[in-house]
Amino acid sequence: WDIAAFMTQEVCPSCQDENLKIASSIDKTK
């Protein structure tokens, strides 16, 4: 997860502490 999850430049709207990562459902539909 740490190596493969793509980190965006978008700061978390909740905690403002981390940039958001892009994830997928296992079936890749979401």
mmCIF file of all heavy atoms, coordinates in Angstrom:
data_MODEL
# 
_entry.id   MODEL 
# 
loop_
_atom_site.group_PDB 
_atom_site.id 
_atom_site.type_symbol 
_atom_site.label_atom_id 
_atom_site.label_alt_id 
_atom_site.label_comp_id 
_atom_site.label_asym_id 
_atom_site.label_entity_id 
_atom_site.label_seq_id 
_atom_site.pdbx_PDB_ins_code 
_atom_site.Cartn_x 
_atom_site.Cartn_y 
_atom_site.Cartn_z 
_atom_site.occupancy 
_atom_site.B_iso_or_equiv 
_atom_site.pdbx_formal_charge 
_atom_site.auth_seq_id 
_atom_site.auth_comp_id 
_atom_site.auth_asym_id 
_atom_site.auth_atom_id 
_atom_site.pdbx_PDB_model_num 
ATOM 1   N N   . TRP A 1 1  ? 0.846   -1.204 0.000   1.00 0.00 ? 1  TRP A N   1 
ATOM 2   C CA  . TRP A 1 1  ? 0.000   0.000  0.000   1.00 0.00 ? 1  TRP A CA  1 
ATOM 3   C C   . TRP A 1 1  ? 0.879   1.251  0.000   1.00 0.00 ? 1  TRP A C   1 
ATOM 4   O O   . TRP A 1 1  ? 0.667   2.181  -0.776  1.00 0.00 ? 1  TRP A O   1 
ATOM 5   C CB  . TRP A 1 1  ? -0.926  -0.007 1.215   1.00 0.00 ? 1  TRP A CB  1 
ATOM 6   C CG  . TRP A 1 1  ? -1.757  1.238  1.296   1.00 0.00 ? 1  TRP A CG  1 
ATOM 7   C CD1 . TRP A 1 1  ? -1.485  2.355  2.034   1.00 0.00 ? 1  TRP A CD1 1 
ATOM 8   C CD2 . TRP A 1 1  ? -2.970  1.502  0.602   1.00 0.00 ? 1  TRP A CD2 1 
ATOM 9   N NE1 . TRP A 1 1  ? -2.463  3.296  1.843   1.00 0.00 ? 1  TRP A NE1 1 
ATOM 10  C CE2 . TRP A 1 1  ? -3.384  2.798  0.967   1.00 0.00 ? 1  TRP A CE2 1 
ATOM 11  C CE3 . TRP A 1 1  ? -3.735  0.775  -0.289  1.00 0.00 ? 1  TRP A CE3 1 
ATOM 12  C CZ2 . TRP A 1 1  ? -4.548  3.376  0.469   1.00 0.00 ? 1  TRP A CZ2 1 
ATOM 13  C CZ3 . TRP A 1 1  ? -4.902  1.353  -0.782  1.00 0.00 ? 1  TRP A CZ3 1 
ATOM 14  C CH2 . TRP A 1 1  ? -5.293  2.639  -0.406  1.00 0.00 ? 1  TRP A CH2 1 
ATOM 15  N N   . ASP A 1 2  ? 1.871   1.288  0.865   1.00 0.00 ? 2  ASP A N   1 
ATOM 16  C CA  . ASP A 1 2  ? 2.731   2.472  0.969   1.00 0.00 ? 2  ASP A CA  1 
ATOM 17  C C   . ASP A 1 2  ? 3.512   2.739  -0.310  1.00 0.00 ? 2  ASP A C   1 
ATOM 18  O O   . ASP A 1 2  ? 3.761   3.885  -0.669  1.00 0.00 ? 2  ASP A O   1 
ATOM 19  C CB  . ASP A 1 2  ? 3.706   2.335  2.146   1.00 0.00 ? 2  ASP A CB  1 
ATOM 20  C CG  . ASP A 1 2  ? 3.033   2.534  3.491   1.00 0.00 ? 2  ASP A CG  1 
ATOM 21  O OD1 . ASP A 1 2  ? 1.900   3.065  3.533   1.00 0.00 ? 2  ASP A OD1 1 
ATOM 22  O OD2 . ASP A 1 2  ? 3.635   2.162  4.511   1.00 0.00 ? 2  ASP A OD2 1 
ATOM 23  N N   . ILE A 1 3  ? 3.891   1.691  -1.012  1.00 0.00 ? 3  ILE A N   1 
ATOM 24  C CA  . ILE A 1 3  ? 4.675   1.861  -2.241  1.00 0.00 ? 3  ILE A CA  1 
ATOM 25  C C   . ILE A 1 3  ? 3.790   2.118  -3.460  1.00 0.00 ? 3  ILE A C   1 
ATOM 26  O O   . ILE A 1 3  ? 4.124   2.918  -4.323  1.00 0.00 ? 3  ILE A O   1 
ATOM 27  C CB  . ILE A 1 3  ? 5.569   0.623  -2.489  1.00 0.00 ? 3  ILE A CB  1 
ATOM 28  C CG1 . ILE A 1 3  ? 6.662   0.566  -1.415  1.00 0.00 ? 3  ILE A CG1 1 
ATOM 29  C CG2 . ILE A 1 3  ? 6.186   0.648  -3.877  1.00 0.00 ? 3  ILE A CG2 1 
ATOM 30  C CD1 . ILE A 1 3  ? 7.483   -0.696 -1.448  1.00 0.00 ? 3  ILE A CD1 1 
ATOM 31  N N   . ALA A 1 4  ? 2.621   1.471  -3.523  1.00 0.00 ? 4  ALA A N   1 
ATOM 32  C CA  . ALA A 1 4  ? 1.821   1.497  -4.751  1.00 0.00 ? 4  ALA A CA  1 
ATOM 33  C C   . ALA A 1 4  ? 0.635   2.454  -4.736  1.00 0.00 ? 4  ALA A C   1 
ATOM 34  O O   . ALA A 1 4  ? 0.096   2.754  -5.789  1.00 0.00 ? 4  ALA A O   1 
ATOM 35  C CB  . ALA A 1 4  ? 1.325   0.091  -5.071  1.00 0.00 ? 4  ALA A CB  1 
ATOM 36  N N   . ALA A 1 5  ? 0.214   2.939  -3.576  1.00 0.00 ? 5  ALA A N   1 
ATOM 37  C CA  . ALA A 1 5  ? -0.945  3.845  -3.548  1.00 0.00 ? 5  ALA A CA  1 
ATOM 38  C C   . ALA A 1 5  ? -0.501  5.234  -3.987  1.00 0.00 ? 5  ALA A C   1 
ATOM 39  O O   . ALA A 1 5  ? 0.367   5.851  -3.371  1.00 0.00 ? 5  ALA A O   1 
ATOM 40  C CB  . ALA A 1 5  ? -1.557  3.885  -2.153  1.00 0.00 ? 5  ALA A CB  1 
ATOM 41  N N   . PHE A 1 6  ? -1.069  5.721  -5.057  1.00 0.00 ? 6  PHE A N   1 
ATOM 42  C CA  . PHE A 1 6  ? -0.703  7.010  -5.644  1.00 0.00 ? 6  PHE A CA  1 
ATOM 43  C C   . PHE A 1 6  ? -1.149  8.145  -4.732  1.00 0.00 ? 6  PHE A C   1 
ATOM 44  O O   . PHE A 1 6  ? -2.324  8.242  -4.368  1.00 0.00 ? 6  PHE A O   1 
ATOM 45  C CB  . PHE A 1 6  ? -1.343  7.161  -7.028  1.00 0.00 ? 6  PHE A CB  1 
ATOM 46  C CG  . PHE A 1 6  ? -0.908  8.399  -7.749  1.00 0.00 ? 6  PHE A CG  1 
ATOM 47  C CD1 . PHE A 1 6  ? 0.221   8.367  -8.554  1.00 0.00 ? 6  PHE A CD1 1 
ATOM 48  C CD2 . PHE A 1 6  ? -1.603  9.585  -7.619  1.00 0.00 ? 6  PHE A CD2 1 
ATOM 49  C CE1 . PHE A 1 6  ? 0.632   9.514  -9.229  1.00 0.00 ? 6  PHE A CE1 1 
ATOM 50  C CE2 . PHE A 1 6  ? -1.200  10.719 -8.293  1.00 0.00 ? 6  PHE A CE2 1 
ATOM 51  C CZ  . PHE A 1 6  ? -0.080  10.694 -9.100  1.00 0.00 ? 6  PHE A CZ  1 
ATOM 52  N N   . MET A 1 7  ? -0.206  9.006  -4.375  1.00 0.00 ? 7  MET A N   1 
ATOM 53  C CA  . MET A 1 7  ? -0.525  10.150 -3.525  1.00 0.00 ? 7  MET A CA  1 
ATOM 54  C C   . MET A 1 7  ? -0.778  11.374 -4.396  1.00 0.00 ? 7  MET A C   1 
ATOM 55  O O   . MET A 1 7  ? 0.051   11.733 -5.227  1.00 0.00 ? 7  MET A O   1 
ATOM 56  C CB  . MET A 1 7  ? 0.608   10.445 -2.543  1.00 0.00 ? 7  MET A CB  1 
ATOM 57  C CG  . MET A 1 7  ? 0.269   11.580 -1.589  1.00 0.00 ? 7  MET A CG  1 
ATOM 58  S SD  . MET A 1 7  ? 1.589   11.939 -0.414  1.00 0.00 ? 7  MET A SD  1 
ATOM 59  C CE  . MET A 1 7  ? 1.460   10.519 0.657   1.00 0.00 ? 7  MET A CE  1 
ATOM 60  N N   . THR A 1 8  ? -1.925  12.004 -4.192  1.00 0.00 ? 8  THR A N   1 
ATOM 61  C CA  . THR A 1 8  ? -2.265  13.204 -4.938  1.00 0.00 ? 8  THR A CA  1 
ATOM 62  C C   . THR A 1 8  ? -1.643  14.426 -4.260  1.00 0.00 ? 8  THR A C   1 
ATOM 63  O O   . THR A 1 8  ? -1.071  14.328 -3.178  1.00 0.00 ? 8  THR A O   1 
ATOM 64  C CB  . THR A 1 8  ? -3.798  13.404 -4.977  1.00 0.00 ? 8  THR A CB  1 
ATOM 65  O OG1 . THR A 1 8  ? -4.253  13.764 -3.668  1.00 0.00 ? 8  THR A OG1 1 
ATOM 66  C CG2 . THR A 1 8  ? -4.506  12.170 -5.476  1.00 0.00 ? 8  THR A CG2 1 
ATOM 67  N N   . GLN A 1 9  ? -1.801  15.566 -4.876  1.00 0.00 ? 9  GLN A N   1 
ATOM 68  C CA  . GLN A 1 9  ? -1.391  16.834 -4.275  1.00 0.00 ? 9  GLN A CA  1 
ATOM 69  C C   . GLN A 1 9  ? -2.539  17.428 -3.454  1.00 0.00 ? 9  GLN A C   1 
ATOM 70  O O   . GLN A 1 9  ? -2.411  18.485 -2.868  1.00 0.00 ? 9  GLN A O   1 
ATOM 71  C CB  . GLN A 1 9  ? -0.971  17.826 -5.362  1.00 0.00 ? 9  GLN A CB  1 
ATOM 72  C CG  . GLN A 1 9  ? 0.261   17.389 -6.130  1.00 0.00 ? 9  GLN A CG  1 
ATOM 73  C CD  . GLN A 1 9  ? 1.477   17.277 -5.220  1.00 0.00 ? 9  GLN A CD  1 
ATOM 74  O OE1 . GLN A 1 9  ? 1.752   18.148 -4.420  1.00 0.00 ? 9  GLN A OE1 1 
ATOM 75  N NE2 . GLN A 1 9  ? 2.187   16.173 -5.334  1.00 0.00 ? 9  GLN A NE2 1 
ATOM 76  N N   . GLU A 1 10 ? -3.664  16.715 -3.421  1.00 0.00 ? 10 GLU A N   1 
ATOM 77  C CA  . GLU A 1 10 ? -4.872  17.187 -2.738  1.00 0.00 ? 10 GLU A CA  1 
ATOM 78  C C   . GLU A 1 10 ? -4.787  16.908 -1.233  1.00 0.00 ? 10 GLU A C   1 
ATOM 79  O O   . GLU A 1 10 ? -4.689  15.762 -0.808  1.00 0.00 ? 10 GLU A O   1 
ATOM 80  C CB  . GLU A 1 10 ? -6.079  16.476 -3.342  1.00 0.00 ? 10 GLU A CB  1 
ATOM 81  C CG  . GLU A 1 10 ? -7.403  17.007 -2.907  1.00 0.00 ? 10 GLU A CG  1 
ATOM 82  C CD  . GLU A 1 10 ? -8.531  16.307 -3.654  1.00 0.00 ? 10 GLU A CD  1 
ATOM 83  O OE1 . GLU A 1 10 ? -8.298  15.716 -4.726  1.00 0.00 ? 10 GLU A OE1 1 
ATOM 84  O OE2 . GLU A 1 10 ? -9.663  16.363 -3.133  1.00 0.00 ? 10 GLU A OE2 1 
ATOM 85  N N   . VAL A 1 11 ? -4.834  17.969 -0.435  1.00 0.00 ? 11 VAL A N   1 
ATOM 86  C CA  . VAL A 1 11 ? -4.758  17.827 1.012   1.00 0.00 ? 11 VAL A CA  1 
ATOM 87  C C   . VAL A 1 11 ? -6.095  17.315 1.541   1.00 0.00 ? 11 VAL A C   1 
ATOM 88  O O   . VAL A 1 11 ? -7.164  17.674 1.041   1.00 0.00 ? 11 VAL A O   1 
ATOM 89  C CB  . VAL A 1 11 ? -4.404  19.185 1.669   1.00 0.00 ? 11 VAL A CB  1 
ATOM 90  C CG1 . VAL A 1 11 ? -4.436  19.103 3.182   1.00 0.00 ? 11 VAL A CG1 1 
ATOM 91  C CG2 . VAL A 1 11 ? -3.034  19.640 1.195   1.00 0.00 ? 11 VAL A CG2 1 
ATOM 92  N N   . CYS A 1 12 ? -6.033  16.476 2.552   1.00 0.00 ? 12 CYS A N   1 
ATOM 93  C CA  . CYS A 1 12 ? -7.248  15.902 3.136   1.00 0.00 ? 12 CYS A CA  1 
ATOM 94  C C   . CYS A 1 12 ? -8.192  16.998 3.610   1.00 0.00 ? 12 CYS A C   1 
ATOM 95  O O   . CYS A 1 12 ? -7.796  17.869 4.387   1.00 0.00 ? 12 CYS A O   1 
ATOM 96  C CB  . CYS A 1 12 ? -6.864  14.985 4.309   1.00 0.00 ? 12 CYS A CB  1 
ATOM 97  S SG  . CYS A 1 12 ? -8.296  14.331 5.170   1.00 0.00 ? 12 CYS A SG  1 
ATOM 98  N N   . PRO A 1 13 ? -9.450  16.955 3.174   1.00 0.00 ? 13 PRO A N   1 
ATOM 99  C CA  . PRO A 1 13 ? -10.413 17.985 3.593   1.00 0.00 ? 13 PRO A CA  1 
ATOM 100 C C   . PRO A 1 13 ? -10.836 17.840 5.054   1.00 0.00 ? 13 PRO A C   1 
ATOM 101 O O   . PRO A 1 13 ? -11.390 18.770 5.631   1.00 0.00 ? 13 PRO A O   1 
ATOM 102 C CB  . PRO A 1 13 ? -11.611 17.762 2.664   1.00 0.00 ? 13 PRO A CB  1 
ATOM 103 C CG  . PRO A 1 13 ? -11.501 16.342 2.243   1.00 0.00 ? 13 PRO A CG  1 
ATOM 104 C CD  . PRO A 1 13 ? -10.039 16.005 2.236   1.00 0.00 ? 13 PRO A CD  1 
ATOM 105 N N   . SER A 1 14 ? -10.531 16.706 5.650   1.00 0.00 ? 14 SER A N   1 
ATOM 106 C CA  . SER A 1 14 ? -10.925 16.470 7.038   1.00 0.00 ? 14 SER A CA  1 
ATOM 107 C C   . SER A 1 14 ? -9.832  16.875 8.023   1.00 0.00 ? 14 SER A C   1 
ATOM 108 O O   . SER A 1 14 ? -10.062 17.673 8.918   1.00 0.00 ? 14 SER A O   1 
ATOM 109 C CB  . SER A 1 14 ? -11.287 14.992 7.227   1.00 0.00 ? 14 SER A CB  1 
ATOM 110 O OG  . SER A 1 14 ? -11.644 14.738 8.554   1.00 0.00 ? 14 SER A OG  1 
ATOM 111 N N   . CYS A 1 15 ? -8.629  16.342 7.849   1.00 0.00 ? 15 CYS A N   1 
ATOM 112 C CA  . CYS A 1 15 ? -7.561  16.595 8.837   1.00 0.00 ? 15 CYS A CA  1 
ATOM 113 C C   . CYS A 1 15 ? -6.530  17.613 8.359   1.00 0.00 ? 15 CYS A C   1 
ATOM 114 O O   . CYS A 1 15 ? -5.715  18.072 9.146   1.00 0.00 ? 15 CYS A O   1 
ATOM 115 C CB  . CYS A 1 15 ? -6.886  15.293 9.244   1.00 0.00 ? 15 CYS A CB  1 
ATOM 116 S SG  . CYS A 1 15 ? -5.831  14.565 7.965   1.00 0.00 ? 15 CYS A SG  1 
ATOM 117 N N   . GLN A 1 16 ? -6.521  17.934 7.081   1.00 0.00 ? 16 GLN A N   1 
ATOM 118 C CA  . GLN A 1 16 ? -5.552  18.839 6.473   1.00 0.00 ? 16 GLN A CA  1 
ATOM 119 C C   . GLN A 1 16 ? -4.101  18.421 6.737   1.00 0.00 ? 16 GLN A C   1 
ATOM 120 O O   . GLN A 1 16 ? -3.174  19.197 6.590   1.00 0.00 ? 16 GLN A O   1 
ATOM 121 C CB  . GLN A 1 16 ? -5.731  20.287 6.976   1.00 0.00 ? 16 GLN A CB  1 
ATOM 122 C CG  . GLN A 1 16 ? -6.719  21.109 6.203   1.00 0.00 ? 16 GLN A CG  1 
ATOM 123 C CD  . GLN A 1 16 ? -8.144  20.781 6.579   1.00 0.00 ? 16 GLN A CD  1 
ATOM 124 O OE1 . GLN A 1 16 ? -8.495  20.802 7.737   1.00 0.00 ? 16 GLN A OE1 1 
ATOM 125 N NE2 . GLN A 1 16 ? -8.952  20.483 5.593   1.00 0.00 ? 16 GLN A NE2 1 
ATOM 126 N N   . ASP A 1 17 ? -3.903  17.183 7.143   1.00 0.00 ? 17 ASP A N   1 
ATOM 127 C CA  . ASP A 1 17 ? -2.575  16.726 7.528   1.00 0.00 ? 17 ASP A CA  1 
ATOM 128 C C   . ASP A 1 17 ? -1.898  15.869 6.470   1.00 0.00 ? 17 ASP A C   1 
ATOM 129 O O   . ASP A 1 17 ? -0.683  15.848 6.385   1.00 0.00 ? 17 ASP A O   1 
ATOM 130 C CB  . ASP A 1 17 ? -2.661  15.937 8.851   1.00 0.00 ? 17 ASP A CB  1 
ATOM 131 C CG  . ASP A 1 17 ? -1.299  15.622 9.427   1.00 0.00 ? 17 ASP A CG  1 
ATOM 132 O OD1 . ASP A 1 17 ? -0.441  16.527 9.418   1.00 0.00 ? 17 ASP A OD1 1 
ATOM 133 O OD2 . ASP A 1 17 ? -1.095  14.488 9.876   1.00 0.00 ? 17 ASP A OD2 1 
ATOM 134 N N   . GLU A 1 18 ? -2.650  15.188 5.670   1.00 0.00 ? 18 GLU A N   1 
ATOM 135 C CA  . GLU A 1 18 ? -2.084  14.251 4.697   1.00 0.00 ? 18 GLU A CA  1 
ATOM 136 C C   . GLU A 1 18 ? -2.647  14.563 3.314   1.00 0.00 ? 18 GLU A C   1 
ATOM 137 O O   . GLU A 1 18 ? -3.752  15.066 3.179   1.00 0.00 ? 18 GLU A O   1 
ATOM 138 C CB  . GLU A 1 18 ? -2.480  12.812 5.051   1.00 0.00 ? 18 GLU A CB  1 
ATOM 139 C CG  . GLU A 1 18 ? -1.884  12.297 6.327   1.00 0.00 ? 18 GLU A CG  1 
ATOM 140 C CD  . GLU A 1 18 ? -0.468  11.795 6.145   1.00 0.00 ? 18 GLU A CD  1 
ATOM 141 O OE1 . GLU A 1 18 ? -0.120  11.367 5.035   1.00 0.00 ? 18 GLU A OE1 1 
ATOM 142 O OE2 . GLU A 1 18 ? 0.280   11.835 7.120   1.00 0.00 ? 18 GLU A OE2 1 
ATOM 143 N N   . ASN A 1 19 ? -1.885  14.205 2.299   1.00 0.00 ? 19 ASN A N   1 
ATOM 144 C CA  . ASN A 1 19 ? -2.415  14.249 0.948   1.00 0.00 ? 19 ASN A CA  1 
ATOM 145 C C   . ASN A 1 19 ? -3.227  12.982 0.726   1.00 0.00 ? 19 ASN A C   1 
ATOM 146 O O   . ASN A 1 19 ? -2.909  11.932 1.265   1.00 0.00 ? 19 ASN A O   1 
ATOM 147 C CB  . ASN A 1 19 ? -1.286  14.335 -0.071  1.00 0.00 ? 19 ASN A CB  1 
ATOM 148 C CG  . ASN A 1 19 ? -0.596  15.681 -0.041  1.00 0.00 ? 19 ASN A CG  1 
ATOM 149 O OD1 . ASN A 1 19 ? -0.797  16.485 0.857   1.00 0.00 ? 19 ASN A OD1 1 
ATOM 150 N ND2 . ASN A 1 19 ? 0.230   15.920 -1.016  1.00 0.00 ? 19 ASN A ND2 1 
ATOM 151 N N   . LEU A 1 20 ? -4.272  13.116 -0.064  1.00 0.00 ? 20 LEU A N   1 
ATOM 152 C CA  . LEU A 1 20 ? -5.133  11.973 -0.335  1.00 0.00 ? 20 LEU A CA  1 
ATOM 153 C C   . LEU A 1 20 ? -4.441  10.981 -1.271  1.00 0.00 ? 20 LEU A C   1 
ATOM 154 O O   . LEU A 1 20 ? -3.667  11.362 -2.136  1.00 0.00 ? 20 LEU A O   1 
ATOM 155 C CB  . LEU A 1 20 ? -6.437  12.433 -0.962  1.00 0.00 ? 20 LEU A CB  1 
ATOM 156 C CG  . LEU A 1 20 ? -7.312  13.320 -0.081  1.00 0.00 ? 20 LEU A CG  1 
ATOM 157 C CD1 . LEU A 1 20 ? -8.528  13.799 -0.864  1.00 0.00 ? 20 LEU A CD1 1 
ATOM 158 C CD2 . LEU A 1 20 ? -7.734  12.593 1.177   1.00 0.00 ? 20 LEU A CD2 1 
ATOM 159 N N   . LYS A 1 21 ? -4.730  9.709  -1.062  1.00 0.00 ? 21 LYS A N   1 
ATOM 160 C CA  . LYS A 1 21 ? -4.249  8.654  -1.938  1.00 0.00 ? 21 LYS A CA  1 
ATOM 161 C C   . LYS A 1 21 ? -5.435  8.139  -2.745  1.00 0.00 ? 21 LYS A C   1 
ATOM 162 O O   . LYS A 1 21 ? -6.582  8.246  -2.323  1.00 0.00 ? 21 LYS A O   1 
ATOM 163 C CB  . LYS A 1 21 ? -3.617  7.521  -1.129  1.00 0.00 ? 21 LYS A CB  1 
ATOM 164 C CG  . LYS A 1 21 ? -2.290  7.935  -0.502  1.00 0.00 ? 21 LYS A CG  1 
ATOM 165 C CD  . LYS A 1 21 ? -1.595  6.779  0.145   1.00 0.00 ? 21 LYS A CD  1 
ATOM 166 C CE  . LYS A 1 21 ? -0.230  7.206  0.660   1.00 0.00 ? 21 LYS A CE  1 
ATOM 167 N NZ  . LYS A 1 21 ? 0.456   6.108  1.347   1.00 0.00 ? 21 LYS A NZ  1 
ATOM 168 N N   . ILE A 1 22 ? -5.130  7.578  -3.898  1.00 0.00 ? 22 ILE A N   1 
ATOM 169 C CA  . ILE A 1 22 ? -6.175  7.036  -4.765  1.00 0.00 ? 22 ILE A CA  1 
ATOM 170 C C   . ILE A 1 22 ? -6.183  5.519  -4.610  1.00 0.00 ? 22 ILE A C   1 
ATOM 171 O O   . ILE A 1 22 ? -5.161  4.858  -4.742  1.00 0.00 ? 22 ILE A O   1 
ATOM 172 C CB  . ILE A 1 22 ? -5.950  7.445  -6.227  1.00 0.00 ? 22 ILE A CB  1 
ATOM 173 C CG1 . ILE A 1 22 ? -5.937  8.973  -6.333  1.00 0.00 ? 22 ILE A CG1 1 
ATOM 174 C CG2 . ILE A 1 22 ? -7.045  6.857  -7.109  1.00 0.00 ? 22 ILE A CG2 1 
ATOM 175 C CD1 . ILE A 1 22 ? -5.629  9.490  -7.712  1.00 0.00 ? 22 ILE A CD1 1 
ATOM 176 N N   . ALA A 1 23 ? -7.373  5.007  -4.304  1.00 0.00 ? 23 ALA A N   1 
ATOM 177 C CA  . ALA A 1 23 ? -7.554  3.576  -4.088  1.00 0.00 ? 23 ALA A CA  1 
ATOM 178 C C   . ALA A 1 23 ? -8.687  3.067  -4.968  1.00 0.00 ? 23 ALA A C   1 
ATOM 179 O O   . ALA A 1 23 ? -9.429  3.842  -5.564  1.00 0.00 ? 23 ALA A O   1 
ATOM 180 C CB  . ALA A 1 23 ? -7.863  3.306  -2.613  1.00 0.00 ? 23 ALA A CB  1 
ATOM 181 N N   . SER A 1 24 ? -8.816  1.761  -5.002  1.00 0.00 ? 24 SER A N   1 
ATOM 182 C CA  . SER A 1 24 ? -9.813  1.109  -5.839  1.00 0.00 ? 24 SER A CA  1 
ATOM 183 C C   . SER A 1 24 ? -10.527 0.019  -5.056  1.00 0.00 ? 24 SER A C   1 
ATOM 184 O O   . SER A 1 24 ? -9.965  -0.569 -4.135  1.00 0.00 ? 24 SER A O   1 
ATOM 185 C CB  . SER A 1 24 ? -9.105  0.484  -7.046  1.00 0.00 ? 24 SER A CB  1 
ATOM 186 O OG  . SER A 1 24 ? -9.983  -0.333 -7.794  1.00 0.00 ? 24 SER A OG  1 
ATOM 187 N N   . SER A 1 25 ? -11.760 -0.240 -5.466  1.00 0.00 ? 25 SER A N   1 
ATOM 188 C CA  . SER A 1 25 ? -12.414 -1.449 -4.958  1.00 0.00 ? 25 SER A CA  1 
ATOM 189 C C   . SER A 1 25 ? -11.697 -2.640 -5.591  1.00 0.00 ? 25 SER A C   1 
ATOM 190 O O   . SER A 1 25 ? -11.059 -2.510 -6.646  1.00 0.00 ? 25 SER A O   1 
ATOM 191 C CB  . SER A 1 25 ? -13.902 -1.457 -5.326  1.00 0.00 ? 25 SER A CB  1 
ATOM 192 O OG  . SER A 1 25 ? -14.073 -1.348 -6.728  1.00 0.00 ? 25 SER A OG  1 
ATOM 193 N N   . ILE A 1 26 ? -11.782 -3.772 -4.964  1.00 0.00 ? 26 ILE A N   1 
ATOM 194 C CA  . ILE A 1 26 ? -11.075 -4.956 -5.468  1.00 0.00 ? 26 ILE A CA  1 
ATOM 195 C C   . ILE A 1 26 ? -11.559 -5.333 -6.870  1.00 0.00 ? 26 ILE A C   1 
ATOM 196 O O   . ILE A 1 26 ? -10.772 -5.755 -7.704  1.00 0.00 ? 26 ILE A O   1 
ATOM 197 C CB  . ILE A 1 26 ? -11.203 -6.128 -4.476  1.00 0.00 ? 26 ILE A CB  1 
ATOM 198 C CG1 . ILE A 1 26 ? -10.420 -5.758 -3.236  1.00 0.00 ? 26 ILE A CG1 1 
ATOM 199 C CG2 . ILE A 1 26 ? -10.745 -7.438 -5.089  1.00 0.00 ? 26 ILE A CG2 1 
ATOM 200 C CD1 . ILE A 1 26 ? -10.056 -6.825 -2.296  1.00 0.00 ? 26 ILE A CD1 1 
ATOM 201 N N   . ASP A 1 27 ? -12.841 -5.124 -7.143  1.00 0.00 ? 27 ASP A N   1 
ATOM 202 C CA  . ASP A 1 27 ? -13.347 -5.456 -8.475  1.00 0.00 ? 27 ASP A CA  1 
ATOM 203 C C   . ASP A 1 27 ? -13.088 -4.336 -9.489  1.00 0.00 ? 27 ASP A C   1 
ATOM 204 O O   . ASP A 1 27 ? -13.499 -4.413 -10.637 1.00 0.00 ? 27 ASP A O   1 
ATOM 205 C CB  . ASP A 1 27 ? -14.829 -5.814 -8.425  1.00 0.00 ? 27 ASP A CB  1 
ATOM 206 C CG  . ASP A 1 27 ? -15.715 -4.650 -7.989  1.00 0.00 ? 27 ASP A CG  1 
ATOM 207 O OD1 . ASP A 1 27 ? -15.213 -3.512 -7.797  1.00 0.00 ? 27 ASP A OD1 1 
ATOM 208 O OD2 . ASP A 1 27 ? -16.928 -4.878 -7.820  1.00 0.00 ? 27 ASP A OD2 1 
ATOM 209 N N   . LYS A 1 28 ? -12.403 -3.278 -9.050  1.00 0.00 ? 28 LYS A N   1 
ATOM 210 C CA  . LYS A 1 28 ? -11.977 -2.137 -9.877  1.00 0.00 ? 28 LYS A CA  1 
ATOM 211 C C   . LYS A 1 28 ? -13.141 -1.333 -10.450 1.00 0.00 ? 28 LYS A C   1 
ATOM 212 O O   . LYS A 1 28 ? -12.975 -0.610 -11.427 1.00 0.00 ? 28 LYS A O   1 
ATOM 213 C CB  . LYS A 1 28 ? -11.036 -2.604 -10.990 1.00 0.00 ? 28 LYS A CB  1 
ATOM 214 C CG  . LYS A 1 28 ? -9.783  -3.241 -10.456 1.00 0.00 ? 28 LYS A CG  1 
ATOM 215 C CD  . LYS A 1 28 ? -8.872  -3.694 -11.557 1.00 0.00 ? 28 LYS A CD  1 
ATOM 216 C CE  . LYS A 1 28 ? -7.681  -4.429 -10.963 1.00 0.00 ? 28 LYS A CE  1 
ATOM 217 N NZ  . LYS A 1 28 ? -6.927  -5.163 -11.928 1.00 0.00 ? 28 LYS A NZ  1 
ATOM 218 N N   . THR A 1 29 ? -14.320 -1.419 -9.845  1.00 0.00 ? 29 THR A N   1 
ATOM 219 C CA  . THR A 1 29 ? -15.469 -0.659 -10.342 1.00 0.00 ? 29 THR A CA  1 
ATOM 220 C C   . THR A 1 29 ? -15.598 0.707  -9.671  1.00 0.00 ? 29 THR A C   1 
ATOM 221 O O   . THR A 1 29 ? -16.308 1.564  -10.179 1.00 0.00 ? 29 THR A O   1 
ATOM 222 C CB  . THR A 1 29 ? -16.789 -1.437 -10.141 1.00 0.00 ? 29 THR A CB  1 
ATOM 223 O OG1 . THR A 1 29 ? -16.970 -1.668 -8.734  1.00 0.00 ? 29 THR A OG1 1 
ATOM 224 C CG2 . THR A 1 29 ? -16.760 -2.748 -10.909 1.00 0.00 ? 29 THR A CG2 1 
ATOM 225 N N   . LYS A 1 30 ? -14.918 0.897  -8.548  1.00 0.00 ? 30 LYS A N   1 
ATOM 226 C CA  . LYS A 1 30 ? -15.009 2.167  -7.816  1.00 0.00 ? 30 LYS A CA  1 
ATOM 227 C C   . LYS A 1 30 ? -13.614 2.706  -7.572  1.00 0.00 ? 30 LYS A C   1 
ATOM 228 O O   . LYS A 1 30 ? -12.682 1.955  -7.315  1.00 0.00 ? 30 LYS A O   1 
ATOM 229 C CB  . LYS A 1 30 ? -15.730 1.968  -6.481  1.00 0.00 ? 30 LYS A CB  1 
ATOM 230 C CG  . LYS A 1 30 ? -17.156 1.537  -6.633  1.00 0.00 ? 30 LYS A CG  1 
ATOM 231 C CD  . LYS A 1 30 ? -17.814 1.369  -5.288  1.00 0.00 ? 30 LYS A CD  1 
ATOM 232 C CE  . LYS A 1 30 ? -19.245 0.907  -5.510  1.00 0.00 ? 30 LYS A CE  1 
ATOM 233 N NZ  . LYS A 1 30 ? -19.570 -0.277 -4.777  1.00 0.00 ? 30 LYS A NZ  1 
# 
